[in-house]
N, C-alpha and C. Protein backbone atom coordinates (compact mmCIF):
# COMPACT_ATOMS: atom_id res chain seq x y z
N MET A 1 3.46 22.70 26.10
CA MET A 1 2.22 22.09 25.67
C MET A 1 1.84 22.61 24.28
N ASP A 2 1.42 21.70 23.41
CA ASP A 2 1.05 22.09 22.05
C ASP A 2 -0.31 22.78 22.04
N HIS A 3 -0.40 23.75 21.19
CA HIS A 3 -1.67 24.44 20.99
C HIS A 3 -2.60 23.50 20.21
N PRO A 4 -3.89 23.42 20.53
CA PRO A 4 -4.79 22.49 19.85
C PRO A 4 -4.90 22.72 18.36
N VAL A 5 -4.72 23.96 17.90
CA VAL A 5 -4.84 24.24 16.48
C VAL A 5 -3.63 23.69 15.72
N THR A 6 -2.47 23.62 16.36
CA THR A 6 -1.26 23.19 15.65
C THR A 6 -0.82 21.79 16.02
N SER A 7 -1.62 21.04 16.75
CA SER A 7 -1.20 19.69 17.14
C SER A 7 -2.05 18.59 16.53
N GLY A 8 -3.05 18.95 15.74
CA GLY A 8 -3.96 17.95 15.20
C GLY A 8 -3.43 17.25 13.96
N THR A 9 -4.16 16.23 13.57
CA THR A 9 -3.86 15.47 12.37
C THR A 9 -4.76 15.96 11.25
N LEU A 10 -4.15 16.31 10.12
CA LEU A 10 -4.92 16.81 8.98
C LEU A 10 -5.31 15.72 8.00
N PHE A 11 -4.50 14.68 7.93
CA PHE A 11 -4.71 13.65 6.92
C PHE A 11 -4.11 12.35 7.43
N LYS A 12 -4.84 11.26 7.27
CA LYS A 12 -4.37 9.92 7.63
C LYS A 12 -4.74 8.96 6.53
N ALA A 13 -3.83 8.04 6.23
CA ALA A 13 -4.13 7.00 5.25
C ALA A 13 -3.37 5.74 5.62
N VAL A 14 -4.06 4.62 5.52
CA VAL A 14 -3.43 3.32 5.72
C VAL A 14 -3.51 2.59 4.39
N ILE A 15 -2.35 2.16 3.89
CA ILE A 15 -2.29 1.50 2.59
C ILE A 15 -1.84 0.06 2.82
N VAL A 16 -2.66 -0.87 2.38
CA VAL A 16 -2.32 -2.29 2.48
C VAL A 16 -2.47 -2.91 1.09
N PRO A 17 -1.61 -3.86 0.76
CA PRO A 17 -1.75 -4.52 -0.55
C PRO A 17 -3.06 -5.29 -0.62
N HIS A 18 -3.69 -5.26 -1.77
CA HIS A 18 -4.94 -6.00 -1.96
C HIS A 18 -4.64 -7.48 -2.20
N ARG A 19 -5.29 -8.31 -1.46
CA ARG A 19 -5.20 -9.76 -1.67
C ARG A 19 -6.62 -10.29 -1.69
N SER A 20 -6.94 -11.03 -2.74
CA SER A 20 -8.31 -11.50 -2.91
C SER A 20 -8.59 -12.79 -2.15
N LEU A 21 -7.54 -13.49 -1.70
CA LEU A 21 -7.75 -14.75 -0.99
C LEU A 21 -7.65 -14.58 0.52
N SER A 22 -8.63 -15.12 1.21
CA SER A 22 -8.55 -15.19 2.66
C SER A 22 -7.66 -16.40 3.01
N PRO A 23 -7.24 -16.54 4.26
CA PRO A 23 -6.45 -17.73 4.62
C PRO A 23 -7.19 -19.04 4.30
N ARG A 24 -8.49 -19.05 4.53
CA ARG A 24 -9.28 -20.25 4.22
C ARG A 24 -9.29 -20.51 2.71
N GLY A 25 -9.46 -19.44 1.91
CA GLY A 25 -9.44 -19.57 0.46
C GLY A 25 -8.08 -20.05 -0.04
N LEU A 26 -7.02 -19.58 0.60
CA LEU A 26 -5.67 -20.01 0.23
C LEU A 26 -5.50 -21.51 0.47
N ARG A 27 -5.98 -21.98 1.62
CA ARG A 27 -5.90 -23.43 1.90
C ARG A 27 -6.72 -24.22 0.90
N THR A 28 -7.86 -23.68 0.49
CA THR A 28 -8.71 -24.36 -0.49
C THR A 28 -8.00 -24.45 -1.84
N VAL A 29 -7.39 -23.35 -2.28
CA VAL A 29 -6.68 -23.35 -3.56
C VAL A 29 -5.52 -24.34 -3.53
N ILE A 30 -4.77 -24.35 -2.43
CA ILE A 30 -3.65 -25.29 -2.31
C ILE A 30 -4.16 -26.73 -2.33
N GLY A 31 -5.27 -26.98 -1.66
CA GLY A 31 -5.86 -28.32 -1.66
C GLY A 31 -6.29 -28.76 -3.06
N VAL A 32 -6.91 -27.85 -3.81
CA VAL A 32 -7.35 -28.17 -5.17
C VAL A 32 -6.14 -28.44 -6.07
N ILE A 33 -5.09 -27.64 -5.93
CA ILE A 33 -3.87 -27.85 -6.73
C ILE A 33 -3.28 -29.22 -6.42
N CYS A 34 -3.19 -29.55 -5.13
CA CYS A 34 -2.63 -30.85 -4.74
C CYS A 34 -3.49 -32.00 -5.27
N LEU A 35 -4.81 -31.85 -5.19
CA LEU A 35 -5.71 -32.90 -5.68
C LEU A 35 -5.56 -33.10 -7.19
N LEU A 36 -5.57 -32.01 -7.95
CA LEU A 36 -5.47 -32.13 -9.40
C LEU A 36 -4.10 -32.66 -9.83
N CYS A 37 -3.04 -32.20 -9.19
CA CYS A 37 -1.71 -32.73 -9.53
C CYS A 37 -1.60 -34.19 -9.11
N GLY A 38 -2.23 -34.55 -7.99
CA GLY A 38 -2.23 -35.95 -7.56
C GLY A 38 -2.93 -36.85 -8.56
N LEU A 39 -4.06 -36.38 -9.10
CA LEU A 39 -4.77 -37.16 -10.11
C LEU A 39 -3.93 -37.30 -11.38
N THR A 40 -3.23 -36.25 -11.75
CA THR A 40 -2.35 -36.30 -12.92
C THR A 40 -1.22 -37.30 -12.69
N VAL A 41 -0.63 -37.26 -11.50
CA VAL A 41 0.46 -38.19 -11.16
C VAL A 41 -0.05 -39.63 -11.22
N LEU A 42 -1.23 -39.86 -10.66
CA LEU A 42 -1.82 -41.20 -10.66
C LEU A 42 -2.04 -41.71 -12.08
N ARG A 43 -2.52 -40.85 -12.94
CA ARG A 43 -2.76 -41.24 -14.34
C ARG A 43 -1.46 -41.64 -15.03
N PHE A 44 -0.41 -40.80 -14.84
CA PHE A 44 0.87 -41.12 -15.47
C PHE A 44 1.51 -42.35 -14.85
N TRP A 45 1.26 -42.59 -13.57
CA TRP A 45 1.79 -43.80 -12.90
C TRP A 45 1.20 -45.05 -13.55
N PHE A 46 -0.13 -45.00 -13.81
CA PHE A 46 -0.79 -46.16 -14.39
C PHE A 46 -0.35 -46.44 -15.83
N ILE A 47 0.07 -45.45 -16.57
CA ILE A 47 0.52 -45.71 -17.94
C ILE A 47 2.03 -45.95 -18.00
N GLY A 48 2.68 -45.95 -16.83
CA GLY A 48 4.09 -46.30 -16.77
C GLY A 48 5.06 -45.15 -16.90
N ALA A 49 4.57 -43.95 -16.86
CA ALA A 49 5.46 -42.77 -16.96
C ALA A 49 5.75 -42.25 -15.56
N TRP A 50 6.34 -43.10 -14.71
CA TRP A 50 6.56 -42.73 -13.31
C TRP A 50 7.55 -41.58 -13.10
N PRO A 51 8.47 -41.22 -14.03
CA PRO A 51 9.34 -40.05 -13.79
C PRO A 51 8.56 -38.73 -13.66
N VAL A 52 7.32 -38.71 -14.14
CA VAL A 52 6.51 -37.50 -14.04
C VAL A 52 6.25 -37.16 -12.57
N ILE A 53 6.27 -38.15 -11.69
CA ILE A 53 6.00 -37.92 -10.26
C ILE A 53 6.97 -36.88 -9.69
N GLY A 54 8.24 -36.98 -10.02
CA GLY A 54 9.22 -36.02 -9.52
C GLY A 54 8.94 -34.59 -9.96
N PHE A 55 8.58 -34.45 -11.23
CA PHE A 55 8.27 -33.11 -11.73
C PHE A 55 7.00 -32.56 -11.10
N SER A 56 6.02 -33.43 -10.87
CA SER A 56 4.78 -32.98 -10.24
C SER A 56 5.01 -32.55 -8.80
N VAL A 57 5.86 -33.25 -8.08
CA VAL A 57 6.17 -32.86 -6.70
C VAL A 57 6.85 -31.49 -6.69
N ILE A 58 7.77 -31.27 -7.62
CA ILE A 58 8.42 -29.96 -7.72
C ILE A 58 7.40 -28.89 -8.06
N GLU A 59 6.49 -29.19 -8.98
CA GLU A 59 5.45 -28.24 -9.38
C GLU A 59 4.55 -27.87 -8.21
N ILE A 60 4.12 -28.87 -7.45
CA ILE A 60 3.25 -28.62 -6.30
C ILE A 60 4.00 -27.79 -5.26
N GLY A 61 5.24 -28.15 -4.99
CA GLY A 61 6.03 -27.41 -4.01
C GLY A 61 6.23 -25.96 -4.41
N LEU A 62 6.52 -25.72 -5.67
CA LEU A 62 6.72 -24.36 -6.16
C LEU A 62 5.43 -23.56 -6.08
N ALA A 63 4.32 -24.15 -6.46
CA ALA A 63 3.03 -23.45 -6.40
C ALA A 63 2.67 -23.09 -4.96
N ILE A 64 2.87 -24.01 -4.03
CA ILE A 64 2.57 -23.73 -2.63
C ILE A 64 3.49 -22.63 -2.10
N PHE A 65 4.78 -22.69 -2.44
CA PHE A 65 5.71 -21.67 -1.98
C PHE A 65 5.33 -20.28 -2.50
N LEU A 66 4.98 -20.18 -3.78
CA LEU A 66 4.63 -18.88 -4.35
C LEU A 66 3.32 -18.33 -3.76
N LEU A 67 2.35 -19.20 -3.54
CA LEU A 67 1.11 -18.75 -2.90
C LEU A 67 1.37 -18.29 -1.47
N TRP A 68 2.21 -19.01 -0.74
CA TRP A 68 2.56 -18.63 0.63
C TRP A 68 3.30 -17.29 0.65
N LEU A 69 4.23 -17.10 -0.30
CA LEU A 69 4.98 -15.85 -0.38
C LEU A 69 4.05 -14.68 -0.67
N ASN A 70 3.10 -14.88 -1.57
CA ASN A 70 2.13 -13.85 -1.89
C ASN A 70 1.28 -13.49 -0.67
N ALA A 71 0.84 -14.49 0.07
CA ALA A 71 0.03 -14.25 1.27
C ALA A 71 0.85 -13.54 2.34
N ARG A 72 2.11 -13.86 2.45
CA ARG A 72 2.96 -13.24 3.47
C ARG A 72 3.20 -11.77 3.16
N ARG A 73 3.30 -11.42 1.90
CA ARG A 73 3.51 -10.02 1.52
C ARG A 73 2.29 -9.16 1.81
N ALA A 74 1.14 -9.77 2.02
CA ALA A 74 -0.07 -9.02 2.34
C ALA A 74 0.01 -8.41 3.73
N ARG A 75 0.96 -8.81 4.54
CA ARG A 75 1.12 -8.25 5.88
C ARG A 75 1.73 -6.86 5.87
N ALA A 76 2.32 -6.46 4.76
CA ALA A 76 2.98 -5.15 4.68
C ALA A 76 1.93 -4.04 4.70
N THR A 77 2.25 -2.96 5.43
CA THR A 77 1.35 -1.81 5.49
C THR A 77 2.17 -0.52 5.39
N GLU A 78 1.47 0.52 5.01
CA GLU A 78 2.07 1.85 4.94
C GLU A 78 1.07 2.81 5.57
N PHE A 79 1.51 3.57 6.56
CA PHE A 79 0.66 4.49 7.30
C PHE A 79 1.20 5.89 7.07
N ILE A 80 0.38 6.78 6.50
CA ILE A 80 0.81 8.14 6.17
C ILE A 80 -0.04 9.11 6.98
N VAL A 81 0.65 9.99 7.73
CA VAL A 81 -0.03 10.94 8.60
C VAL A 81 0.53 12.33 8.34
N LEU A 82 -0.36 13.27 8.04
CA LEU A 82 0.04 14.67 7.85
C LEU A 82 -0.43 15.46 9.06
N THR A 83 0.53 16.06 9.76
CA THR A 83 0.22 16.94 10.89
C THR A 83 0.75 18.32 10.57
N TYR A 84 0.56 19.25 11.49
CA TYR A 84 1.09 20.59 11.28
C TYR A 84 2.61 20.62 11.33
N ALA A 85 3.23 19.62 11.92
CA ALA A 85 4.69 19.60 12.07
C ALA A 85 5.39 18.90 10.91
N ALA A 86 4.85 17.78 10.43
CA ALA A 86 5.55 16.99 9.41
C ALA A 86 4.59 15.99 8.78
N LEU A 87 5.07 15.38 7.72
CA LEU A 87 4.37 14.26 7.12
C LEU A 87 5.16 13.01 7.51
N ARG A 88 4.51 12.11 8.24
CA ARG A 88 5.18 10.90 8.69
C ARG A 88 4.73 9.72 7.85
N ILE A 89 5.70 8.89 7.50
CA ILE A 89 5.43 7.65 6.77
C ILE A 89 5.94 6.52 7.66
N VAL A 90 5.04 5.65 8.07
CA VAL A 90 5.42 4.50 8.90
C VAL A 90 5.14 3.26 8.06
N ARG A 91 6.21 2.55 7.74
CA ARG A 91 6.09 1.33 6.93
C ARG A 91 6.37 0.12 7.80
N THR A 92 5.53 -0.89 7.64
CA THR A 92 5.75 -2.18 8.28
C THR A 92 5.87 -3.20 7.16
N ASP A 93 7.01 -3.89 7.11
CA ASP A 93 7.20 -4.87 6.04
C ASP A 93 6.56 -6.20 6.43
N ARG A 94 6.68 -7.17 5.55
CA ARG A 94 6.00 -8.46 5.76
C ARG A 94 6.50 -9.22 6.97
N THR A 95 7.71 -8.88 7.46
CA THR A 95 8.25 -9.57 8.64
C THR A 95 7.91 -8.85 9.93
N GLY A 96 7.28 -7.68 9.85
CA GLY A 96 6.91 -6.93 11.05
C GLY A 96 7.89 -5.82 11.40
N GLN A 97 8.94 -5.64 10.61
CA GLN A 97 9.91 -4.57 10.86
C GLN A 97 9.27 -3.22 10.50
N ARG A 98 9.41 -2.25 11.40
CA ARG A 98 8.84 -0.92 11.17
C ARG A 98 9.94 0.06 10.80
N ARG A 99 9.60 0.94 9.89
CA ARG A 99 10.50 2.03 9.50
C ARG A 99 9.70 3.31 9.49
N ASP A 100 10.21 4.32 10.18
CA ASP A 100 9.50 5.58 10.34
C ASP A 100 10.31 6.68 9.66
N LEU A 101 9.63 7.50 8.87
CA LEU A 101 10.29 8.59 8.16
C LEU A 101 9.41 9.83 8.31
N ALA A 102 10.04 10.96 8.62
CA ALA A 102 9.31 12.23 8.72
C ALA A 102 9.85 13.19 7.67
N LEU A 103 8.96 13.75 6.89
CA LEU A 103 9.33 14.72 5.86
C LEU A 103 8.84 16.10 6.27
N PRO A 104 9.67 17.13 6.10
CA PRO A 104 9.20 18.48 6.42
C PRO A 104 8.13 18.92 5.43
N ILE A 105 7.15 19.63 5.92
CA ILE A 105 6.03 19.99 5.05
C ILE A 105 6.21 21.32 4.33
N ALA A 106 7.22 22.09 4.72
CA ALA A 106 7.39 23.42 4.14
C ALA A 106 7.58 23.36 2.62
N TRP A 107 8.39 22.43 2.13
CA TRP A 107 8.66 22.34 0.70
C TRP A 107 8.18 21.02 0.11
N LEU A 108 7.25 20.38 0.74
CA LEU A 108 6.79 19.07 0.31
C LEU A 108 5.94 19.18 -0.96
N ASN A 109 6.28 18.36 -1.93
CA ASN A 109 5.52 18.30 -3.18
C ASN A 109 5.06 16.87 -3.41
N VAL A 110 3.87 16.72 -3.97
CA VAL A 110 3.33 15.42 -4.34
C VAL A 110 3.46 15.31 -5.86
N VAL A 111 4.25 14.33 -6.30
CA VAL A 111 4.56 14.21 -7.73
C VAL A 111 4.14 12.83 -8.23
N LEU A 112 3.41 12.81 -9.32
CA LEU A 112 3.09 11.55 -10.01
C LEU A 112 4.05 11.44 -11.19
N GLU A 113 4.95 10.48 -11.14
CA GLU A 113 5.92 10.28 -12.22
C GLU A 113 5.33 9.29 -13.22
N GLU A 114 5.00 9.81 -14.39
CA GLU A 114 4.36 9.01 -15.43
C GLU A 114 5.40 8.26 -16.26
N THR A 115 5.13 6.98 -16.52
CA THR A 115 5.93 6.17 -17.43
C THR A 115 4.95 5.49 -18.37
N ALA A 116 5.22 5.56 -19.65
CA ALA A 116 4.29 5.00 -20.65
C ALA A 116 4.07 3.52 -20.41
N GLY A 117 2.80 3.12 -20.34
CA GLY A 117 2.44 1.72 -20.20
C GLY A 117 2.57 1.15 -18.79
N ARG A 118 2.85 1.99 -17.80
CA ARG A 118 3.01 1.50 -16.43
C ARG A 118 2.19 2.36 -15.47
N VAL A 119 1.96 1.84 -14.30
CA VAL A 119 1.29 2.59 -13.25
C VAL A 119 2.25 3.69 -12.79
N PRO A 120 1.78 4.93 -12.68
CA PRO A 120 2.70 6.00 -12.28
C PRO A 120 3.22 5.80 -10.85
N ASN A 121 4.41 6.33 -10.59
CA ASN A 121 4.98 6.31 -9.25
C ASN A 121 4.52 7.56 -8.52
N LEU A 122 4.12 7.41 -7.27
CA LEU A 122 3.73 8.54 -6.44
C LEU A 122 4.91 8.87 -5.53
N VAL A 123 5.50 10.03 -5.74
CA VAL A 123 6.71 10.41 -5.02
C VAL A 123 6.43 11.66 -4.20
N LEU A 124 6.89 11.64 -2.95
CA LEU A 124 6.87 12.83 -2.11
C LEU A 124 8.27 13.40 -2.11
N ALA A 125 8.40 14.65 -2.55
CA ALA A 125 9.72 15.28 -2.66
C ALA A 125 9.76 16.49 -1.74
N ALA A 126 10.81 16.57 -0.93
CA ALA A 126 10.97 17.70 -0.02
C ALA A 126 12.44 17.92 0.27
N HIS A 127 12.95 19.07 -0.15
CA HIS A 127 14.30 19.50 0.20
C HIS A 127 15.37 18.43 -0.03
N GLY A 128 15.43 17.88 -1.23
CA GLY A 128 16.44 16.89 -1.58
C GLY A 128 16.09 15.47 -1.20
N VAL A 129 14.96 15.25 -0.58
CA VAL A 129 14.53 13.91 -0.19
C VAL A 129 13.39 13.50 -1.10
N ARG A 130 13.50 12.31 -1.68
CA ARG A 130 12.43 11.78 -2.53
C ARG A 130 12.03 10.42 -1.97
N GLU A 131 10.77 10.25 -1.72
CA GLU A 131 10.28 9.00 -1.14
C GLU A 131 9.05 8.54 -1.90
N GLU A 132 9.11 7.33 -2.45
CA GLU A 132 7.95 6.77 -3.13
C GLU A 132 7.00 6.19 -2.10
N VAL A 133 5.73 6.49 -2.27
CA VAL A 133 4.70 5.97 -1.37
C VAL A 133 3.60 5.32 -2.19
N ALA A 134 2.77 4.55 -1.53
CA ALA A 134 1.57 3.95 -2.13
C ALA A 134 1.90 3.05 -3.32
N ALA A 135 3.00 2.34 -3.26
CA ALA A 135 3.40 1.47 -4.36
C ALA A 135 2.41 0.32 -4.55
N ALA A 136 1.64 -0.03 -3.52
CA ALA A 136 0.70 -1.14 -3.60
C ALA A 136 -0.61 -0.76 -4.29
N LEU A 137 -0.82 0.53 -4.54
CA LEU A 137 -2.08 0.97 -5.14
C LEU A 137 -2.04 0.90 -6.67
N GLY A 138 -3.21 0.78 -7.25
CA GLY A 138 -3.35 0.81 -8.70
C GLY A 138 -3.35 2.25 -9.19
N GLU A 139 -3.47 2.42 -10.50
CA GLU A 139 -3.37 3.76 -11.10
C GLU A 139 -4.46 4.71 -10.61
N ALA A 140 -5.71 4.28 -10.65
CA ALA A 140 -6.81 5.16 -10.25
C ALA A 140 -6.70 5.52 -8.76
N GLU A 141 -6.37 4.54 -7.94
CA GLU A 141 -6.25 4.79 -6.50
C GLU A 141 -5.09 5.74 -6.21
N LYS A 142 -3.98 5.59 -6.96
CA LYS A 142 -2.84 6.50 -6.76
C LYS A 142 -3.20 7.93 -7.13
N ARG A 143 -3.93 8.08 -8.22
CA ARG A 143 -4.32 9.43 -8.63
C ARG A 143 -5.25 10.07 -7.60
N ASP A 144 -6.21 9.29 -7.08
CA ASP A 144 -7.11 9.80 -6.03
C ASP A 144 -6.34 10.15 -4.76
N PHE A 145 -5.42 9.28 -4.38
CA PHE A 145 -4.62 9.50 -3.18
C PHE A 145 -3.77 10.76 -3.33
N ALA A 146 -3.13 10.94 -4.50
CA ALA A 146 -2.30 12.12 -4.74
C ALA A 146 -3.14 13.39 -4.68
N ALA A 147 -4.33 13.37 -5.29
CA ALA A 147 -5.20 14.55 -5.27
C ALA A 147 -5.64 14.88 -3.85
N THR A 148 -6.00 13.88 -3.07
CA THR A 148 -6.44 14.10 -1.70
C THR A 148 -5.31 14.65 -0.84
N LEU A 149 -4.11 14.10 -1.01
CA LEU A 149 -2.96 14.59 -0.25
C LEU A 149 -2.61 16.02 -0.66
N ARG A 150 -2.71 16.34 -1.94
CA ARG A 150 -2.45 17.72 -2.39
C ARG A 150 -3.45 18.70 -1.76
N VAL A 151 -4.72 18.31 -1.69
CA VAL A 151 -5.73 19.17 -1.07
C VAL A 151 -5.41 19.38 0.40
N ALA A 152 -5.02 18.32 1.10
CA ALA A 152 -4.68 18.45 2.53
C ALA A 152 -3.47 19.36 2.72
N LEU A 153 -2.45 19.24 1.86
CA LEU A 153 -1.29 20.13 1.95
C LEU A 153 -1.67 21.57 1.64
N ASP A 154 -2.55 21.76 0.66
CA ASP A 154 -3.01 23.10 0.33
C ASP A 154 -3.77 23.73 1.49
N GLN A 155 -4.62 22.95 2.16
CA GLN A 155 -5.35 23.46 3.31
C GLN A 155 -4.41 23.80 4.46
N LEU A 156 -3.34 23.05 4.60
CA LEU A 156 -2.36 23.32 5.64
C LEU A 156 -1.60 24.61 5.35
N ARG A 157 -1.20 24.79 4.09
CA ARG A 157 -0.40 25.97 3.73
C ARG A 157 -1.24 27.24 3.58
N ASN A 158 -2.51 27.09 3.28
CA ASN A 158 -3.40 28.24 3.09
C ASN A 158 -4.63 28.10 3.98
N PRO A 159 -4.45 28.30 5.26
CA PRO A 159 -5.59 28.11 6.17
C PRO A 159 -6.67 29.16 5.96
N ARG A 160 -7.89 28.77 6.17
CA ARG A 160 -9.02 29.68 6.07
C ARG A 160 -9.46 30.00 7.50
N PHE A 161 -9.31 31.25 7.87
CA PHE A 161 -9.68 31.67 9.22
C PHE A 161 -11.10 32.20 9.19
N ASP A 162 -11.87 31.78 10.15
CA ASP A 162 -13.25 32.25 10.26
C ASP A 162 -13.38 32.98 11.59
N ASN A 163 -13.42 34.28 11.53
CA ASN A 163 -13.57 35.10 12.72
C ASN A 163 -15.01 35.59 12.77
N PRO A 164 -15.79 35.11 13.72
CA PRO A 164 -17.21 35.50 13.79
C PRO A 164 -17.40 37.01 13.94
N GLN A 165 -16.46 37.68 14.60
CA GLN A 165 -16.60 39.14 14.77
C GLN A 165 -16.46 39.86 13.44
N LEU A 166 -15.54 39.39 12.60
CA LEU A 166 -15.40 40.03 11.30
C LEU A 166 -16.56 39.69 10.38
N ARG A 167 -17.08 38.52 10.51
CA ARG A 167 -18.21 38.10 9.70
C ARG A 167 -19.44 38.92 10.07
N ALA A 168 -19.66 39.17 11.34
CA ALA A 168 -20.82 39.94 11.79
C ALA A 168 -20.73 41.39 11.35
N SER A 169 -19.53 41.97 11.32
CA SER A 169 -19.41 43.39 10.92
C SER A 169 -19.59 43.56 9.41
N SER A 170 -19.30 42.53 8.63
CA SER A 170 -19.46 42.66 7.18
C SER A 170 -20.92 42.56 6.75
N ASP A 171 -21.75 42.00 7.64
CA ASP A 171 -23.18 41.89 7.32
C ASP A 171 -23.89 43.23 7.45
N LEU A 172 -23.29 44.21 8.13
CA LEU A 172 -23.93 45.50 8.36
C LEU A 172 -24.02 46.31 7.16
């Protein structure tokens, strides 16, 4: 049986890609695109430029496909849990496939890899293993996440013990 002090969770984070459109909003955008392209097709039909219809159908199909692909990628999640035993990363991709990875915490480092003009990569490095996490976050969110995870690792490695008996004797 695990001791309660060494079996708890120190840090949890769920990372999901930001998507500004709800499913209803997505349907509305697709409807507006279809309506506007339909009006364009109708206009060109009336002036005798009927070959434009084929290009408009391709355009509408491509726009709908890309919007659908973007919405489908919003299903991906990343769950990061720091316990006294390990740091676990559970990833679920857009199709629902789960991948679980556990990193040892003894030598775990949180590294922000800076590249000029780009959002930094957040990498967890431990004993020859390098794993990028939080790829869906923006720069400010990544920096906050890295700082919070570093604090949690620091608290794990340098615990503060509060013994009431020692505290009472120092007051004398």
